[in-house]
């Protein structure tokens, strides 16, 4: 069974992101930019760099293999299993999801090959298969399951001379090696609650064009130096994000979300713009589905 998907988020809002791909055993890091502005800046979060220098972590993965994400890119993973299709996304293979529901985490189980992560779908026909992958500029946050929901707790370190745009988040990836064609849908809905304190929170879709080929050779088609998905600012009152929504931070090299080549979604936290202290967040996410 293939494991991860490729994409991620990170940085000050907009410094610092996974949409989109991470696999079990994946390590994701984020590059930092020279700025914290929306203009000249893998992952969602206060990251996915917008501006001349925010960073974006990454995390989606394809396949059941371990992955190594990279900064300012949509992380991704090696594939070792059969994914959601025969062939790869880069070779033109895409398939519509077997159901609108990506996951409500009711069937999620600890990932046996990647400590601290979870797998969902249970190998059951008619259910989307995938997992989680955390990413951070420093210490990764903690994921846990409670009442059919996914909880994420983290403290994002304060900006410093060595890490100007810290970030922390997680990806909910869909197995590859093909991409998911969500052309029949308008976006993704979800439930989210909790307390983000003084942190900023962003959401990202993982899609092939902004996923580094070096991170996910099966699904990533980005070959430039900075690859990261667009970021969309959300709050704990948000319920959905449209594929056509205007991003808070444009992805690179393609800002427009390619809903025909989706690899997953991600949530990223970061200190607020101009913040000089760390921030702590505790959020619960569930019922993620195409709408």
Protein backbone atom coordinates (compact mmCIF):
# COMPACT_ATOMS: atom_id res chain seq x y z
CA UNK A 1 0.00 0.00 0.00
CA UNK A 2 1.56 3.30 -0.81
CA UNK A 3 2.05 5.70 2.05
CA UNK A 4 2.29 9.44 1.79
CA UNK A 5 1.52 12.26 -0.25
CA UNK A 6 3.65 15.27 -0.79
CA UNK A 7 3.23 18.71 0.59
CA UNK A 8 3.70 21.00 3.62
CA UNK A 9 3.62 24.41 5.32
CA UNK A 10 5.80 26.62 7.52
CA UNK A 11 7.06 30.06 8.73
CA UNK A 12 5.74 33.41 10.07
CA UNK A 13 2.31 33.97 8.43
CA UNK A 14 3.65 33.61 6.03
CA UNK A 15 6.97 32.67 6.85
CA UNK A 16 7.64 29.17 7.04
CA UNK A 17 4.07 24.71 5.09
CA UNK A 18 3.12 19.71 3.12
CA UNK A 19 0.12 19.71 0.92
CA UNK A 20 1.63 18.81 -0.40
CA UNK A 21 3.70 15.05 0.30
CA UNK A 22 5.04 13.06 3.18
CA UNK A 23 5.46 9.39 3.81
CA UNK A 24 5.93 7.31 6.85
CA UNK A 25 9.26 7.92 8.43
CA UNK A 26 9.49 11.23 6.71
CA UNK A 27 11.59 14.13 7.82
CA UNK A 28 10.62 17.56 6.65
CA UNK A 29 12.49 20.76 7.01
CA UNK A 30 11.85 24.28 5.85
CA UNK A 31 14.10 26.82 4.20
CA UNK A 32 13.97 30.36 5.39
CA UNK A 33 13.75 33.32 3.13
CA UNK A 34 15.00 36.77 3.50
CA UNK A 35 11.78 38.38 4.29
CA UNK A 36 8.38 38.19 5.84
CA UNK A 37 6.27 39.90 3.26
CA UNK A 38 3.77 38.87 0.72
CA UNK A 39 5.68 39.34 -2.42
CA UNK A 40 9.08 38.21 -3.14
CA UNK A 41 9.00 34.04 -0.22
CA UNK A 42 6.68 24.26 1.78
CA UNK A 43 4.00 24.61 3.50
CA UNK A 44 1.05 26.08 4.94
CA UNK A 45 1.36 27.62 8.20
CA UNK A 46 2.60 30.88 8.73
CA UNK A 47 4.88 29.62 6.15
CA UNK A 48 4.97 28.30 2.68
CA UNK A 49 6.77 31.45 2.42
CA UNK A 50 5.00 34.31 1.05
CA UNK A 51 7.07 37.21 0.41
CA UNK A 52 10.68 37.62 -0.06
CA UNK A 53 11.43 35.06 2.45
CA UNK A 54 9.01 33.05 4.49
CA UNK A 55 9.62 29.35 4.76
CA UNK A 56 7.41 26.46 4.01
CA UNK A 57 7.81 23.01 5.37
CA UNK A 58 6.53 20.09 3.41
CA UNK A 59 4.99 16.78 3.97
CA UNK A 60 2.92 14.83 1.49
CA UNK A 61 4.15 11.50 0.33
CA UNK A 62 3.33 8.93 -2.16
CA UNK A 63 3.55 5.27 -1.50
CA UNK A 64 4.15 3.27 1.55
CA UNK A 65 7.73 4.32 1.73
CA UNK A 66 9.59 6.69 3.99
CA UNK A 67 10.07 10.16 2.73
CA UNK A 68 12.41 13.01 3.26
CA UNK A 69 10.80 16.38 2.81
CA UNK A 70 12.79 19.43 2.03
CA UNK A 71 12.43 23.08 2.84
CA UNK A 72 10.50 25.50 0.74
CA UNK A 73 9.09 22.55 -1.08
CA UNK A 74 6.22 20.25 -0.84
CA UNK A 75 7.76 17.30 0.87
CA UNK A 76 7.09 13.92 -0.58
CA UNK A 77 8.03 10.33 -0.25
CA UNK A 78 9.31 7.31 -2.03
CA UNK A 79 6.67 4.88 -3.10
CA UNK A 80 6.90 1.23 -2.28
CA UNK A 81 3.34 0.12 -2.60
CA UNK A 82 0.50 0.22 -5.00
CA UNK A 83 -1.09 3.64 -4.72
CA UNK A 84 -4.34 5.09 -5.81
CA UNK A 85 -3.50 4.17 -9.38
CA UNK A 86 -1.16 2.13 -11.54
CA UNK A 87 1.59 4.39 -12.84
CA UNK A 88 2.65 7.78 -11.55
CA UNK A 89 1.22 11.26 -11.56
CA UNK A 90 4.18 12.63 -13.52
CA UNK A 91 3.49 10.05 -16.23
CA UNK A 92 -0.07 11.34 -16.44
CA UNK A 93 -1.90 8.99 -14.08
CA UNK A 94 -4.68 10.59 -12.03
CA UNK A 95 -7.85 9.10 -10.56
CA UNK A 96 -10.91 10.60 -8.89
CA UNK A 97 -11.22 9.83 -5.17
CA UNK A 98 -13.14 6.64 -4.38
CA UNK A 99 -15.33 8.74 -2.06
CA UNK A 100 -15.70 12.46 -1.16
CA UNK A 101 -14.53 11.77 2.40
CA UNK A 102 -10.74 11.92 2.68
CA UNK A 103 -10.84 10.91 6.35
CA UNK A 104 -12.77 11.48 9.54
CA UNK A 105 -10.03 9.57 11.43
CA UNK A 106 -12.57 7.06 12.76
CA UNK A 107 -10.49 4.25 11.27
CA UNK A 108 -7.07 5.82 11.88
CA UNK A 109 -4.36 3.69 13.45
CA UNK A 110 -0.75 4.36 14.50
CA UNK A 111 1.63 4.10 11.55
CA UNK A 112 3.68 0.97 12.26
CA UNK A 113 6.62 2.24 10.23
CA UNK A 114 6.65 5.88 11.30
CA UNK A 115 6.45 6.64 15.03
CA UNK A 116 4.14 9.50 15.95
CA UNK A 117 2.18 9.33 12.68
CA UNK A 118 -1.13 7.73 11.72
CA UNK A 119 -2.56 5.82 8.78
CA UNK A 120 -6.20 6.03 7.71
CA UNK A 121 -8.41 4.07 5.32
CA UNK A 122 -7.55 0.67 6.77
CA UNK A 123 -7.03 -0.84 3.33
CA UNK A 124 -10.80 -0.97 2.97
CA UNK A 125 -12.26 -0.70 -0.53
CA UNK A 126 -14.36 2.41 -0.95
CA UNK A 127 -12.24 4.46 1.44
CA UNK A 128 -9.48 6.90 0.59
CA UNK A 129 -6.12 5.62 1.85
CA UNK A 130 -3.38 7.78 3.32
CA UNK A 131 -1.72 9.04 6.47
CA UNK A 132 -0.19 11.92 8.38
CA UNK A 133 3.25 13.49 8.31
CA UNK A 134 4.48 16.19 10.66
CA UNK A 135 7.01 18.87 9.76
CA UNK A 136 8.71 21.69 11.64
CA UNK A 137 11.63 24.09 11.62
CA UNK A 138 12.43 22.84 15.13
CA UNK A 139 10.81 20.20 17.33
CA UNK A 140 7.78 18.60 15.68
CA UNK A 141 4.39 18.87 17.34
CA UNK A 142 2.49 15.88 18.74
CA UNK A 143 -0.41 14.11 17.04
CA UNK A 144 -2.98 12.02 18.88
CA UNK A 145 -6.45 10.58 18.25
CA UNK A 146 -9.48 11.37 20.37
CA UNK A 147 -13.12 10.65 19.61
CA UNK A 148 -12.59 10.16 15.90
CA UNK A 149 -10.64 13.40 15.59
CA UNK A 150 -6.98 14.25 15.08
CA UNK A 151 -5.39 16.47 17.73
CA UNK A 152 -2.18 18.45 17.17
CA UNK A 153 -0.28 20.20 19.95
CA UNK A 154 2.84 22.25 19.43
CA UNK A 155 4.97 25.15 20.56
CA UNK A 156 6.54 27.03 17.68
CA UNK A 157 9.89 28.48 18.68
CA UNK A 158 10.54 32.22 18.66
CA UNK A 159 12.18 33.71 15.57
CA UNK A 160 15.97 33.85 15.86
CA UNK A 161 18.99 34.73 13.78
CA UNK A 162 19.33 31.08 12.80
CA UNK A 163 15.59 30.47 12.16
CA UNK A 164 13.95 33.71 11.16
CA UNK A 165 10.64 32.15 10.18
CA UNK A 166 9.87 29.15 12.40
CA UNK A 167 6.92 26.89 11.61
CA UNK A 168 5.24 23.67 12.71
CA UNK A 169 2.45 21.61 11.18
CA UNK A 170 1.24 18.39 9.65
CA UNK A 171 0.11 16.97 6.35
CA UNK A 172 -2.83 14.66 5.75
CA UNK A 173 -1.66 12.92 2.59
CA UNK A 174 -3.43 10.68 0.10
CA UNK A 175 -1.51 7.64 -1.08
CA UNK A 176 0.06 7.71 -4.54
CA UNK A 177 1.83 7.12 -6.82
CA UNK A 178 -0.92 8.68 -8.93
CA UNK A 179 -2.46 12.06 -8.09
CA UNK A 180 -6.08 12.49 -7.04
CA UNK A 181 -8.28 14.19 -9.64
CA UNK A 182 -10.72 16.35 -7.66
CA UNK A 183 -12.02 18.20 -10.74
CA UNK A 184 -15.59 17.28 -9.82
CA UNK A 185 -15.29 19.17 -6.53
CA UNK A 186 -14.98 22.85 -5.57
CA UNK A 187 -12.71 22.51 -2.52
CA UNK A 188 -12.19 20.75 0.79
CA UNK A 189 -14.24 21.07 3.96
CA UNK A 190 -13.19 20.13 7.49
CA UNK A 191 -13.95 20.68 11.12
CA UNK A 192 -11.39 22.43 13.28
CA UNK A 193 -11.43 23.68 16.86
CA UNK A 194 -9.03 24.56 19.62
CA UNK A 195 -6.73 27.39 20.65
CA UNK A 196 -3.93 28.78 18.47
CA UNK A 197 -2.88 31.42 21.01
CA UNK A 198 -0.82 34.07 19.24
CA UNK A 199 0.11 31.74 16.39
CA UNK A 200 -1.07 32.20 12.82
CA UNK A 201 -2.68 29.26 11.02
CA UNK A 202 -2.70 28.46 7.31
CA UNK A 203 -4.11 25.68 5.15
CA UNK A 204 -2.66 24.34 1.92
CA UNK A 205 -3.58 21.91 -0.82
CA UNK A 206 -0.81 19.65 -2.07
CA UNK A 207 -0.62 19.53 -5.87
CA UNK A 208 1.91 18.25 -8.39
CA UNK A 209 3.11 21.54 -9.92
CA UNK A 210 4.36 22.88 -6.57
CA UNK A 211 5.71 19.56 -5.33
CA UNK A 212 9.44 19.13 -5.80
CA UNK A 213 10.45 16.29 -8.10
CA UNK A 214 13.43 15.72 -5.83
CA UNK A 215 11.04 15.09 -2.94
CA UNK A 216 8.52 12.92 -4.77
CA UNK A 217 9.65 11.61 -8.12
CA UNK A 218 6.28 9.93 -8.70
CA UNK A 219 4.11 13.01 -8.22
CA UNK A 220 6.27 16.12 -8.03
CA UNK A 221 6.74 18.07 -11.26
CA UNK A 222 8.44 21.17 -9.80
CA UNK A 223 12.12 21.40 -10.77
CA UNK A 224 12.96 24.98 -9.74
CA UNK A 225 14.81 25.90 -6.54
CA UNK A 226 11.72 26.92 -4.53
CA UNK A 227 8.67 24.66 -4.66
CA UNK A 228 5.78 25.19 -2.26
CA UNK A 229 1.96 25.30 -2.45
CA UNK A 230 -0.24 28.33 -1.98
CA UNK A 231 -1.34 29.13 1.58
CA UNK A 232 -4.78 30.14 2.77
CA UNK A 233 -5.21 31.86 6.13
CA UNK A 234 -7.80 30.12 8.31
CA UNK A 235 -9.00 30.25 11.91
CA UNK A 236 -10.50 27.69 14.29
CA UNK A 237 -13.89 28.86 13.01
CA UNK A 238 -13.12 28.01 9.38
CA UNK A 239 -15.05 25.17 7.75
CA UNK A 240 -13.69 24.96 4.20
CA UNK A 241 -11.30 26.30 1.57
CA UNK A 242 -12.19 26.54 -2.12
CA UNK A 243 -9.70 25.53 -4.82
CA UNK A 244 -10.47 28.87 -6.47
CA UNK A 245 -9.93 30.98 -3.33
CA UNK A 246 -7.37 33.76 -3.44
CA UNK A 247 -4.34 32.59 -1.45
CA UNK A 248 -2.87 34.61 1.37
CA UNK A 249 0.53 33.52 0.11
CA UNK A 250 1.01 32.45 -3.51
CA UNK A 251 2.67 29.12 -4.14
CA UNK A 252 5.73 28.68 -6.32
CA UNK A 253 6.10 28.18 -9.18
CA UNK A 254 2.32 27.88 -9.67
CA UNK A 255 -0.10 29.86 -7.49
CA UNK A 256 -3.32 28.39 -8.88
CA UNK A 257 -4.27 25.09 -7.21
CA UNK A 258 -4.41 22.24 -9.73
CA UNK A 259 -7.39 20.30 -8.43
CA UNK A 260 -6.78 17.59 -11.03
CA UNK A 261 -3.45 16.68 -9.39
CA UNK A 262 -4.05 16.73 -5.64
CA UNK A 263 -1.75 14.91 -3.22
CA UNK A 264 -3.22 15.96 0.14
CA UNK A 265 -3.81 18.89 2.50
CA UNK A 266 -1.86 20.44 5.31
CA UNK A 267 -2.20 22.70 8.33
CA UNK A 268 0.67 24.95 9.48
CA UNK A 269 1.27 27.24 12.44
CA UNK A 270 3.82 30.00 12.93
CA UNK A 271 4.44 33.05 15.12
CA UNK A 272 2.56 36.14 14.02
CA UNK A 273 4.32 38.59 11.73
CA UNK A 274 6.93 40.62 13.60
CA UNK A 275 6.57 38.43 16.70
CA UNK A 276 9.65 37.98 18.87
CA UNK A 277 8.35 35.22 21.13
CA UNK A 278 7.23 31.61 20.71
CA UNK A 279 3.58 30.62 20.41
CA UNK A 280 1.65 27.53 21.53
CA UNK A 281 -1.32 25.89 19.82
CA UNK A 282 -3.66 22.97 20.45
CA UNK A 283 -6.03 22.19 17.56
CA UNK A 284 -8.34 19.32 16.67
CA UNK A 285 -9.19 18.49 13.05
CA UNK A 286 -11.69 16.05 11.58
CA UNK A 287 -14.10 15.15 8.79
CA UNK A 288 -11.81 16.24 5.95
CA UNK A 289 -13.60 15.78 2.64
CA UNK A 290 -13.93 17.00 -0.91
CA UNK A 291 -16.97 19.18 -1.41
